[in-house]
Protein backbone atom coordinates (compact mmCIF):
# COMPACT_ATOMS: atom_id res chain seq x y z
CA MET A 1 -0.29 0.25 0.11
CA ARG A 2 1.59 3.33 -0.54
CA LYS A 3 0.40 6.62 0.24
CA PHE A 4 0.60 10.26 -1.58
CA LEU A 5 0.12 13.43 0.36
CA GLN A 6 -2.05 16.60 -0.64
CA PRO A 7 -0.44 19.95 -1.72
CA CYS A 8 -0.47 22.11 1.61
CA ALA A 9 2.43 23.69 3.60
CA ILE A 10 4.79 21.15 2.56
CA LEU A 11 3.76 21.45 -1.04
CA LEU A 12 7.66 22.61 -1.91
CA LEU A 13 9.22 19.34 -0.44
CA LEU A 14 6.97 16.65 -2.44
CA LEU A 15 7.61 14.89 -5.42
CA MET A 16 3.90 14.07 -5.76
CA PRO A 17 1.69 16.71 -4.45
CA LEU A 18 -1.80 15.91 -4.68
CA ALA A 19 -4.85 17.94 -5.88
CA LEU A 20 -7.12 17.82 -2.64
CA ALA A 21 -7.18 21.25 -0.87
CA ALA A 22 -7.43 20.35 2.57
CA CYS A 23 -4.24 18.91 4.36
CA GLY A 24 -4.14 14.90 4.89
CA ASP A 25 -1.50 13.05 6.78
CA SER A 26 1.55 14.88 7.90
CA GLY A 27 4.89 14.23 7.00
CA THR A 28 6.96 13.17 3.89
CA PRO A 29 5.91 10.09 1.79
CA SER A 30 8.62 7.43 0.66
CA THR A 31 8.59 8.85 -3.02
CA ALA A 32 9.19 12.46 -1.83
CA THR A 33 12.45 14.31 -3.00
CA GLU A 34 13.27 17.02 -0.48
CA THR A 35 14.65 19.92 -2.34
CA THR A 36 15.76 23.74 -1.15
CA GLY A 37 12.42 25.06 -2.28
CA THR A 38 12.16 24.17 -5.98
CA TYR A 39 9.72 21.39 -6.96
CA THR A 40 11.04 18.28 -8.64
CA SER A 41 9.80 16.17 -11.18
CA GLY A 42 12.01 12.97 -10.58
CA ILE A 43 9.87 9.75 -10.51
CA THR A 44 10.19 6.73 -8.26
CA PRO A 45 8.20 3.93 -9.41
CA LEU A 46 5.77 2.67 -7.09
CA PHE A 47 4.32 0.23 -8.80
CA LYS A 48 4.35 -1.85 -12.37
CA SER A 49 1.71 -0.94 -14.61
CA THR A 50 0.93 -4.72 -14.84
CA ASP A 51 -0.08 -4.69 -11.15
CA PHE A 52 -3.43 -2.99 -12.32
CA THR A 53 -6.09 -4.77 -14.59
CA ASP A 54 -6.82 -3.47 -17.83
CA PRO A 55 -10.32 -1.93 -18.17
CA SER A 56 -10.95 -4.15 -20.85
CA THR A 57 -10.90 -7.28 -18.68
CA CYS A 58 -13.50 -5.35 -16.23
CA GLY A 59 -15.70 -4.96 -19.05
CA GLY A 60 -16.11 -8.86 -19.35
CA CYS A 61 -18.51 -8.61 -16.45
CA HIS A 62 -19.42 -5.04 -15.66
CA THR A 63 -20.48 -4.55 -19.42
CA ASP A 64 -22.93 -1.66 -19.21
CA ILE A 65 -20.47 0.38 -16.72
CA TYR A 66 -17.43 -0.19 -19.23
CA ALA A 67 -19.33 0.95 -22.02
CA GLN A 68 -20.25 4.10 -20.19
CA TRP A 69 -16.66 4.88 -19.28
CA GLN A 70 -15.37 4.29 -22.81
CA GLY A 71 -15.30 7.47 -24.49
CA SER A 72 -15.60 9.90 -21.12
CA MET A 73 -13.17 12.06 -20.51
CA HIS A 74 -11.86 10.14 -17.72
CA SER A 75 -10.76 7.50 -20.23
CA ASN A 76 -9.37 10.15 -22.54
CA SER A 77 -7.71 12.01 -20.08
CA PHE A 78 -4.25 11.22 -21.36
CA GLN A 79 -5.46 11.00 -25.07
CA ASP A 80 -6.98 14.66 -24.92
CA LYS A 81 -5.08 16.66 -27.54
CA LEU A 82 -5.57 19.88 -25.97
CA TYR A 83 -4.29 18.91 -22.58
CA LEU A 84 -1.19 17.29 -24.32
CA SER A 85 -0.29 20.49 -26.18
CA MET A 86 -0.95 22.69 -22.80
CA HIS A 87 1.13 19.71 -21.18
CA ASP A 88 3.99 20.46 -23.76
CA GLU A 89 3.87 24.18 -23.30
CA ALA A 90 3.89 23.94 -19.58
CA SER A 91 6.84 21.57 -19.64
CA LYS A 92 8.80 24.27 -21.93
CA ASP A 93 8.35 27.00 -19.75
CA THR A 94 9.03 25.43 -16.75
CA ASN A 95 12.06 23.24 -17.94
CA GLY A 96 9.80 20.07 -17.14
CA SER A 97 9.51 20.82 -13.53
CA VAL A 98 5.76 20.48 -13.13
CA ASP A 99 5.57 17.09 -15.68
CA ALA A 100 5.05 14.88 -13.21
CA TYR A 101 2.49 17.05 -11.26
CA CYS A 102 0.24 17.20 -14.34
CA THR A 103 0.48 13.66 -15.52
CA PHE A 104 -0.31 12.23 -12.07
CA CYS A 105 -4.03 13.01 -12.59
CA HIS A 106 -4.24 12.35 -16.08
CA THR A 107 -2.45 8.95 -16.24
CA PRO A 108 -1.97 7.97 -12.39
CA ILE A 109 -0.87 4.33 -13.49
CA GLY A 110 1.66 5.78 -16.00
CA THR A 111 3.14 8.41 -13.46
CA MET A 112 2.99 5.64 -10.49
CA SER A 113 4.76 3.35 -12.63
CA GLY A 114 7.47 6.05 -13.79
CA GLU A 115 6.41 5.32 -17.29
CA VAL A 116 5.21 8.78 -17.46
CA PRO A 117 6.73 11.63 -18.01
CA PRO A 118 7.59 12.16 -20.62
CA THR A 119 4.16 12.01 -22.24
CA SER A 120 5.17 10.00 -25.25
CA GLY A 121 7.56 7.08 -26.30
CA PRO A 122 7.59 3.08 -26.21
CA GLN A 123 7.72 3.07 -22.63
CA ILE A 124 4.22 3.87 -22.03
CA SER A 125 2.04 0.75 -21.62
CA GLU A 126 -1.29 0.54 -23.21
CA ILE A 127 -2.88 0.49 -19.82
CA SER A 128 -1.09 3.66 -18.58
CA LYS A 129 -2.82 5.38 -21.83
CA LYS A 130 -6.25 4.81 -20.48
CA GLY A 131 -6.31 7.56 -18.14
CA VAL A 132 -8.61 7.39 -15.19
CA GLN A 133 -9.48 3.87 -15.12
CA CYS A 134 -11.50 1.27 -13.18
CA ASP A 135 -8.67 -0.72 -11.47
CA LEU A 136 -7.24 2.73 -10.59
CA CYS A 137 -10.26 3.99 -8.81
CA HIS A 138 -11.41 0.73 -7.20
CA THR A 139 -8.04 0.12 -5.49
CA VAL A 140 -8.30 3.77 -3.74
CA THR A 141 -8.22 3.19 0.15
CA SER A 142 -8.69 6.65 1.43
CA ALA A 143 -9.25 10.40 0.33
CA ASP A 144 -5.20 11.16 0.76
CA PHE A 145 -4.62 8.91 -2.40
CA THR A 146 -3.51 5.75 -1.00
CA PHE A 147 -3.64 2.81 -3.40
CA ALA A 148 -3.46 -0.90 -3.02
CA PRO A 149 -3.37 -2.83 -6.23
CA SER A 150 -4.51 -6.13 -5.43
CA LYS A 151 -7.07 -8.62 -6.20
CA ILE A 152 -9.40 -6.68 -3.64
CA LYS A 153 -11.71 -4.49 -5.75
CA ARG A 154 -13.60 -1.49 -3.56
CA GLY A 155 -16.92 -0.30 -4.48
CA PRO A 156 -20.17 1.27 -2.42
CA PHE A 157 -21.95 -2.08 -1.93
CA THR A 158 -21.38 -3.98 1.32
CA ASP A 159 -22.87 -7.56 -0.43
CA SER A 160 -21.01 -7.67 -3.73
CA ILE A 161 -19.90 -11.34 -4.58
CA SER A 162 -17.20 -11.80 -7.45
CA THR A 163 -15.79 -15.17 -8.56
CA PHE A 164 -12.74 -13.09 -10.54
CA HIS A 165 -11.46 -10.86 -7.65
CA GLU A 166 -12.28 -10.18 -4.02
CA THR A 167 -14.49 -7.18 -3.03
CA GLN A 168 -14.45 -4.46 0.08
CA TYR A 169 -17.18 -2.10 0.68
CA SER A 170 -15.86 1.60 1.15
CA GLU A 171 -18.17 4.44 1.72
CA LEU A 172 -15.52 6.68 0.21
CA PHE A 173 -17.06 5.57 -2.98
CA THR A 174 -20.23 7.81 -2.10
CA LYS A 175 -18.49 10.80 -1.09
CA ALA A 176 -17.16 13.85 -2.68
CA GLU A 177 -13.81 13.57 -0.79
CA PHE A 178 -13.30 10.77 -3.39
CA CYS A 179 -13.61 13.00 -6.52
CA GLY A 180 -11.60 15.76 -4.75
CA MET A 181 -8.35 13.94 -4.81
CA CYS A 182 -8.01 15.12 -8.21
CA HIS A 183 -10.82 17.78 -8.96
CA ASP A 184 -8.86 20.35 -6.62
CA VAL A 185 -5.39 21.56 -7.76
CA ASN A 186 -3.06 24.08 -6.15
CA HIS A 187 -0.32 25.10 -8.18
CA PRO A 188 3.15 23.03 -7.08
CA GLU A 189 5.06 26.07 -6.02
CA ASN A 190 2.92 28.79 -4.92
CA ASN A 191 0.05 26.92 -3.46
CA LEU A 192 -2.48 29.21 -5.70
CA PRO A 193 -5.72 27.49 -6.23
CA LEU A 194 -5.79 26.66 -9.95
CA GLU A 195 -8.95 24.19 -10.15
CA ALA A 196 -11.13 24.42 -6.94
CA THR A 197 -14.43 22.30 -7.83
CA TYR A 198 -14.29 20.17 -4.44
CA THR A 199 -13.74 23.33 -2.33
CA GLU A 200 -16.39 25.22 -4.05
CA TRP A 201 -18.83 22.28 -3.40
CA LYS A 202 -17.68 22.07 0.00
CA ALA A 203 -18.85 25.53 0.90
CA SER A 204 -22.10 25.18 -0.97
CA PRO A 205 -25.43 24.73 0.18
CA TYR A 206 -25.33 21.29 -2.14
CA ALA A 207 -22.94 20.23 0.61
CA ALA A 208 -24.80 21.11 3.67
CA GLN A 209 -27.92 19.18 2.06
CA GLY A 210 -25.61 16.04 1.93
CA ILE A 211 -25.45 16.00 -2.24
CA GLN A 212 -22.33 14.59 -3.44
CA CYS A 213 -20.46 14.94 -6.45
CA GLN A 214 -21.73 11.42 -7.50
CA ASP A 215 -24.96 12.47 -7.16
CA CYS A 216 -25.25 14.47 -10.10
CA HIS A 217 -22.30 13.43 -12.18
CA MET A 218 -22.81 9.83 -11.98
CA THR A 219 -26.36 9.79 -12.94
CA PRO A 220 -28.40 9.22 -15.93
CA GLY A 221 -29.00 12.92 -16.89
CA PRO A 222 -28.64 16.14 -15.06
CA GLY A 223 -29.06 16.52 -11.44
CA VAL A 224 -29.77 14.02 -8.83
CA THR A 225 -31.28 11.03 -10.01
CA LYS A 226 -32.14 8.40 -6.92
CA PRO A 227 -33.06 5.88 -7.24
CA ASN A 228 -31.39 4.61 -10.66
CA PRO A 229 -32.19 0.76 -10.54
CA GLY A 230 -29.78 -1.82 -12.54
CA LYS A 231 -27.21 -3.94 -12.31
CA ALA A 232 -23.53 -3.36 -11.74
CA ALA A 233 -22.43 -6.43 -13.40
CA THR A 234 -23.67 -9.30 -15.65
CA GLY A 235 -25.57 -11.69 -13.72
CA GLY A 236 -25.26 -9.65 -10.73
CA PRO A 237 -28.44 -8.84 -8.60
CA GLU A 238 -30.95 -5.88 -9.30
CA ARG A 239 -30.05 -3.04 -7.28
CA PRO A 240 -32.03 -0.20 -6.12
CA HIS A 241 -29.43 2.40 -7.35
CA ILE A 242 -26.52 2.11 -9.77
CA TYR A 243 -23.97 4.94 -10.14
CA THR A 244 -23.50 5.56 -13.94
CA HIS A 245 -19.84 5.92 -15.38
CA GLN A 246 -19.82 8.69 -18.13
CA PHE A 247 -18.68 11.14 -15.46
CA VAL A 248 -19.99 14.00 -17.46
CA GLY A 249 -19.34 17.36 -16.68
CA GLY A 250 -19.03 20.62 -18.95
CA ASN A 251 -16.67 19.00 -21.27
CA ALA A 252 -18.47 18.66 -24.96
CA THR A 253 -15.47 18.99 -26.92
CA SER A 254 -15.15 16.66 -30.24
CA LEU A 255 -13.11 14.07 -28.22
CA ALA A 256 -15.78 12.93 -26.25
CA SER A 257 -18.42 10.04 -27.78
CA PRO A 258 -21.36 11.86 -29.12
CA GLU A 259 -23.27 10.34 -26.24
CA HIS A 260 -20.92 12.00 -24.05
CA GLN A 261 -21.14 15.23 -25.87
CA LYS A 262 -25.06 15.38 -25.81
CA LEU A 263 -24.75 14.47 -21.94
CA ALA A 264 -22.33 17.31 -21.31
CA VAL A 265 -24.79 19.80 -23.24
CA ASP A 266 -27.69 18.45 -21.03
CA GLN A 267 -25.64 19.15 -18.07
CA LEU A 268 -24.41 22.82 -18.88
CA GLN A 269 -28.15 23.65 -19.86
CA ALA A 270 -29.70 22.26 -16.68
CA ALA A 271 -26.77 24.47 -14.59
CA ALA A 272 -28.18 28.12 -15.47
CA SER A 273 -31.02 30.33 -16.27
CA LEU A 274 -31.31 33.89 -17.61
CA SER A 275 -33.99 36.49 -16.89
CA ILE A 276 -34.50 40.13 -18.47
CA ALA A 277 -35.29 43.12 -16.93
CA ALA A 278 -36.33 45.70 -19.50
CA PRO A 279 -38.62 48.96 -19.38
CA PRO A 280 -42.32 48.53 -20.85
CA SER A 281 -41.29 50.93 -23.27
CA VAL A 282 -38.63 53.47 -24.77
CA ALA A 283 -38.69 56.27 -27.03
CA PRO A 284 -36.44 56.53 -29.84
CA GLY A 285 -33.66 58.68 -29.49
CA ASN A 286 -33.11 57.74 -25.81
CA ASN A 287 -31.07 54.97 -23.79
CA MET A 288 -32.80 51.79 -22.96
CA GLU A 289 -31.59 50.38 -19.56
CA LEU A 290 -31.67 46.69 -19.30
CA GLN A 291 -30.43 44.16 -16.87
CA VAL A 292 -29.66 40.49 -17.44
CA THR A 293 -29.50 37.99 -14.47
CA VAL A 294 -27.62 34.78 -14.63
CA ASN A 295 -28.70 32.35 -12.16
CA ASN A 296 -26.63 29.01 -11.19
CA LYS A 297 -29.69 26.96 -10.83
CA GLY A 298 -27.99 23.40 -10.92
CA ALA A 299 -24.30 23.43 -10.21
CA GLY A 300 -23.07 22.46 -7.04
CA HIS A 301 -20.00 24.50 -7.62
CA TYR A 302 -19.07 27.77 -9.32
CA LEU A 303 -19.84 28.49 -12.97
CA PRO A 304 -17.74 27.60 -14.74
CA THR A 305 -15.74 25.69 -12.81
CA GLY A 306 -12.69 23.49 -13.27
CA LEU A 307 -9.65 25.19 -15.36
CA THR A 308 -11.52 28.77 -15.28
CA GLU A 309 -8.75 30.76 -16.60
CA VAL A 310 -9.22 28.77 -19.77
CA ARG A 311 -12.96 27.96 -19.76
CA GLU A 312 -15.31 30.74 -21.38
CA MET A 313 -18.97 31.34 -20.10
CA TRP A 314 -20.21 34.99 -21.55
CA LEU A 315 -23.51 36.69 -22.13
CA ASP A 316 -24.36 37.25 -25.84
CA VAL A 317 -27.02 40.34 -25.59
CA VAL A 318 -28.62 41.27 -28.99
CA VAL A 319 -31.10 44.02 -29.29
CA THR A 320 -33.16 44.07 -32.88
CA ASP A 321 -35.67 46.70 -34.31
CA ALA A 322 -39.41 45.67 -35.72
CA ASN A 323 -37.77 45.10 -39.04
CA GLY A 324 -35.00 42.59 -37.55
CA LYS A 325 -32.14 45.18 -38.01
CA THR A 326 -29.58 44.83 -34.97
CA ILE A 327 -29.13 47.97 -33.06
CA TYR A 328 -26.95 46.86 -30.25
CA ARG A 329 -24.83 43.54 -29.82
CA SER A 330 -22.48 42.37 -26.76
CA GLY A 331 -21.05 39.09 -26.97
CA GLU A 332 -20.62 38.13 -30.75
CA ILE A 333 -18.06 35.74 -32.09
CA GLY A 334 -15.73 37.47 -34.65
CA GLU A 335 -14.55 35.75 -37.64
CA ASP A 336 -11.27 35.04 -35.87
CA GLY A 337 -13.32 32.91 -33.35
CA ALA A 338 -12.81 35.28 -30.45
CA VAL A 339 -15.50 36.42 -28.60
CA ASP A 340 -16.14 40.50 -28.31
CA SER A 341 -13.64 41.77 -25.84
CA LYS A 342 -16.34 43.87 -24.11
CA ALA A 343 -18.87 40.91 -23.60
CA VAL A 344 -19.43 40.06 -19.78
CA MET A 345 -17.16 37.11 -19.41
CA TYR A 346 -17.21 34.61 -16.50
CA GLN A 347 -13.99 33.43 -15.53
CA THR A 348 -11.07 33.51 -13.59
CA LEU A 349 -8.01 35.46 -14.43
CA PHE A 350 -4.78 34.88 -13.03
CA LYS A 351 -1.54 37.33 -13.43
CA ASP A 352 1.87 36.10 -13.75
CA LYS A 353 5.24 37.05 -11.71
CA ASP A 354 5.39 40.28 -13.82
CA GLY A 355 1.65 41.49 -13.13
CA GLN A 356 0.54 40.52 -16.61
CA PRO A 357 -2.46 38.57 -17.05
CA THR A 358 -1.84 35.13 -18.08
CA HIS A 359 -3.99 31.87 -19.12
CA LYS A 360 -1.12 29.64 -18.30
CA PRO A 361 -1.64 28.29 -14.97
CA TRP A 362 1.77 27.25 -14.39
CA LEU A 363 2.64 30.78 -14.83
CA ALA A 364 0.06 32.19 -12.24
CA VAL A 365 1.26 33.73 -8.94
CA SER A 366 -2.15 35.22 -8.08
CA THR A 367 -5.61 36.01 -8.82
CA LEU A 368 -6.38 39.15 -10.79
CA SER A 369 -10.11 38.59 -10.97
CA ASP A 370 -12.96 35.94 -10.53
CA ASN A 371 -16.41 37.00 -11.29
CA ARG A 372 -18.08 33.56 -11.72
CA ILE A 373 -21.51 32.62 -9.94
CA PRO A 374 -21.33 30.61 -6.92
CA PRO A 375 -23.71 27.72 -6.29
CA MET A 376 -27.28 28.59 -5.91
CA GLY A 377 -25.94 32.43 -6.56
CA SER A 378 -26.77 34.76 -9.52
CA SER A 379 -24.85 37.84 -11.12
CA THR A 380 -26.86 40.69 -12.54
CA GLU A 381 -25.49 42.93 -15.59
CA LYS A 382 -26.54 46.20 -16.53
CA TYR A 383 -26.61 47.57 -20.19
CA SER A 384 -27.37 51.01 -21.49
CA VAL A 385 -28.20 50.50 -25.14
CA PRO A 386 -28.58 53.59 -27.49
CA VAL A 387 -31.62 53.73 -29.49
CA PRO A 388 -31.56 55.74 -32.38
CA ALA A 389 -34.18 58.17 -33.52
CA GLY A 390 -36.36 56.50 -36.19
CA THR A 391 -36.10 53.22 -34.92
CA ALA A 392 -38.61 50.75 -35.97
CA MET A 393 -40.74 49.77 -33.16
CA PRO A 394 -41.19 47.37 -30.88
CA LEU A 395 -37.46 46.14 -29.87
CA THR A 396 -36.75 42.54 -29.23
CA ILE A 397 -34.19 41.70 -26.82
CA LYS A 398 -32.48 38.36 -26.84
CA ALA A 399 -29.87 37.07 -24.23
CA GLY A 400 -27.88 34.04 -24.40
CA LEU A 401 -25.44 32.59 -22.10
CA ARG A 402 -22.78 30.99 -24.18
CA TYR A 403 -19.98 28.28 -23.19
CA ARG A 404 -16.81 26.90 -24.54
CA THR A 405 -14.17 24.62 -22.82
CA ALA A 406 -11.62 26.76 -24.06
CA SER A 407 -10.98 29.98 -26.28
CA GLN A 408 -10.56 29.03 -29.75
CA SER A 409 -7.26 31.81 -29.90
CA LEU A 410 -5.85 29.54 -27.15
CA VAL A 411 -6.56 26.49 -29.03
CA ASN A 412 -4.82 27.74 -32.26
CA ASP A 413 -1.90 29.13 -30.24
CA LEU A 414 -1.33 25.53 -29.06
CA MET A 415 -2.38 23.24 -31.81
CA GLY A 416 -2.35 25.66 -34.78
CA GLU A 417 -5.15 27.07 -36.48
CA GLY A 418 -8.13 24.57 -37.92
CA ALA A 419 -6.75 21.85 -35.82
CA ILE A 420 -9.78 21.59 -33.51
CA GLU A 421 -12.58 24.04 -33.45
CA MET A 422 -14.19 24.46 -30.07
CA PRO A 423 -18.08 23.92 -30.08
CA VAL A 424 -20.02 27.04 -28.60
CA ILE A 425 -22.64 25.67 -26.13
CA ASP A 426 -25.97 27.52 -25.64
CA MET A 427 -26.42 27.29 -21.81
CA ALA A 428 -29.39 29.25 -21.31
CA ASP A 429 -31.80 31.88 -23.60
CA ALA A 430 -34.28 34.73 -22.57
CA THR A 431 -36.35 37.09 -24.38
CA ALA A 432 -37.88 40.29 -23.87
CA GLU A 433 -40.06 43.04 -26.10
CA VAL A 434 -40.06 46.54 -25.74
CA THR A 435 -42.83 49.00 -27.25
């Protein structure tokens, strides 16, 4: 059994700091490399990749669950071309010092076996390429990233019986702390929170109500779906509730399967709602004062969450006259794929050591701004729209909340023009009319 620790006060001394915000056990793990204030990327292999069972083997009995996992972002976490491009950029900028830090959550088996980094080469086994997978998760014994690869597979059922492996109940599989192991990420040198999805949930009304990550992200559709009856394995008993394994969030990129893309869109559209407050009438030649409110009605974390300096969530507000002519717009996407610079954009902005804004989390030293929307919270934006004299009335106001996993300009910079077109998701819309 091997134990890893989270990146807290001892962050600069650890070889493998983990991505859980709250500190776990104190001390230095056996794999740590002590340095004088510099994060190192050297690897002492803990296991062989052959100590873990290939997911296809698990699929022999857990047919439905295996099919759900295939095509998920968990299964593609080490195949994601955008991630790999960002990893290469980070490696160059930091002379490889953050390589293992990033790969630990994208290919845990590859990193623990010493096959990764680098992120390419014949030394990487097929099982290491399969990202976050069955035997990796089901050999976790505690939320401080303790693994015990063996014939014992852990899960949420107290009465599981298998002829292929031993089984053991673990309440951890029903708790958000399990997900928090990778879905909270602090900078490996300055401890700046880069991704705080678990922390956001922990401070939310959802956590207070006992709603866990699994209750929304391991269900057949958006929101809490309990019970979800079914079987965990072929020939197994019919159970009152089965967690699904698509692990869908807000990532609707082309890498995911069509099924996973649709589920991601469903999640995004269930997360928010819009409303418009407009005057009943306005006289042409005057300004029309509008308010557009975004409500985070369905996400147990901030909107957006994850790597939020890369994510784009913005308001697209259009005002047209009675002839359909646009007299005002904020939030349009230009021919270059960039969102109007004056649009209201919900995201985190970091700054580097020179005080300049940066979308590179590995260069971030502090937060410049953060205007995202908390769980069950809202944000109201004000618009003053000039209505030219002679405008044909009535006016139609359309507001839309749009989302992209990453900006097109960032993707182009990393991968070249035309490599990937980032899809724009319509999360919510609202319409109003002014006479």
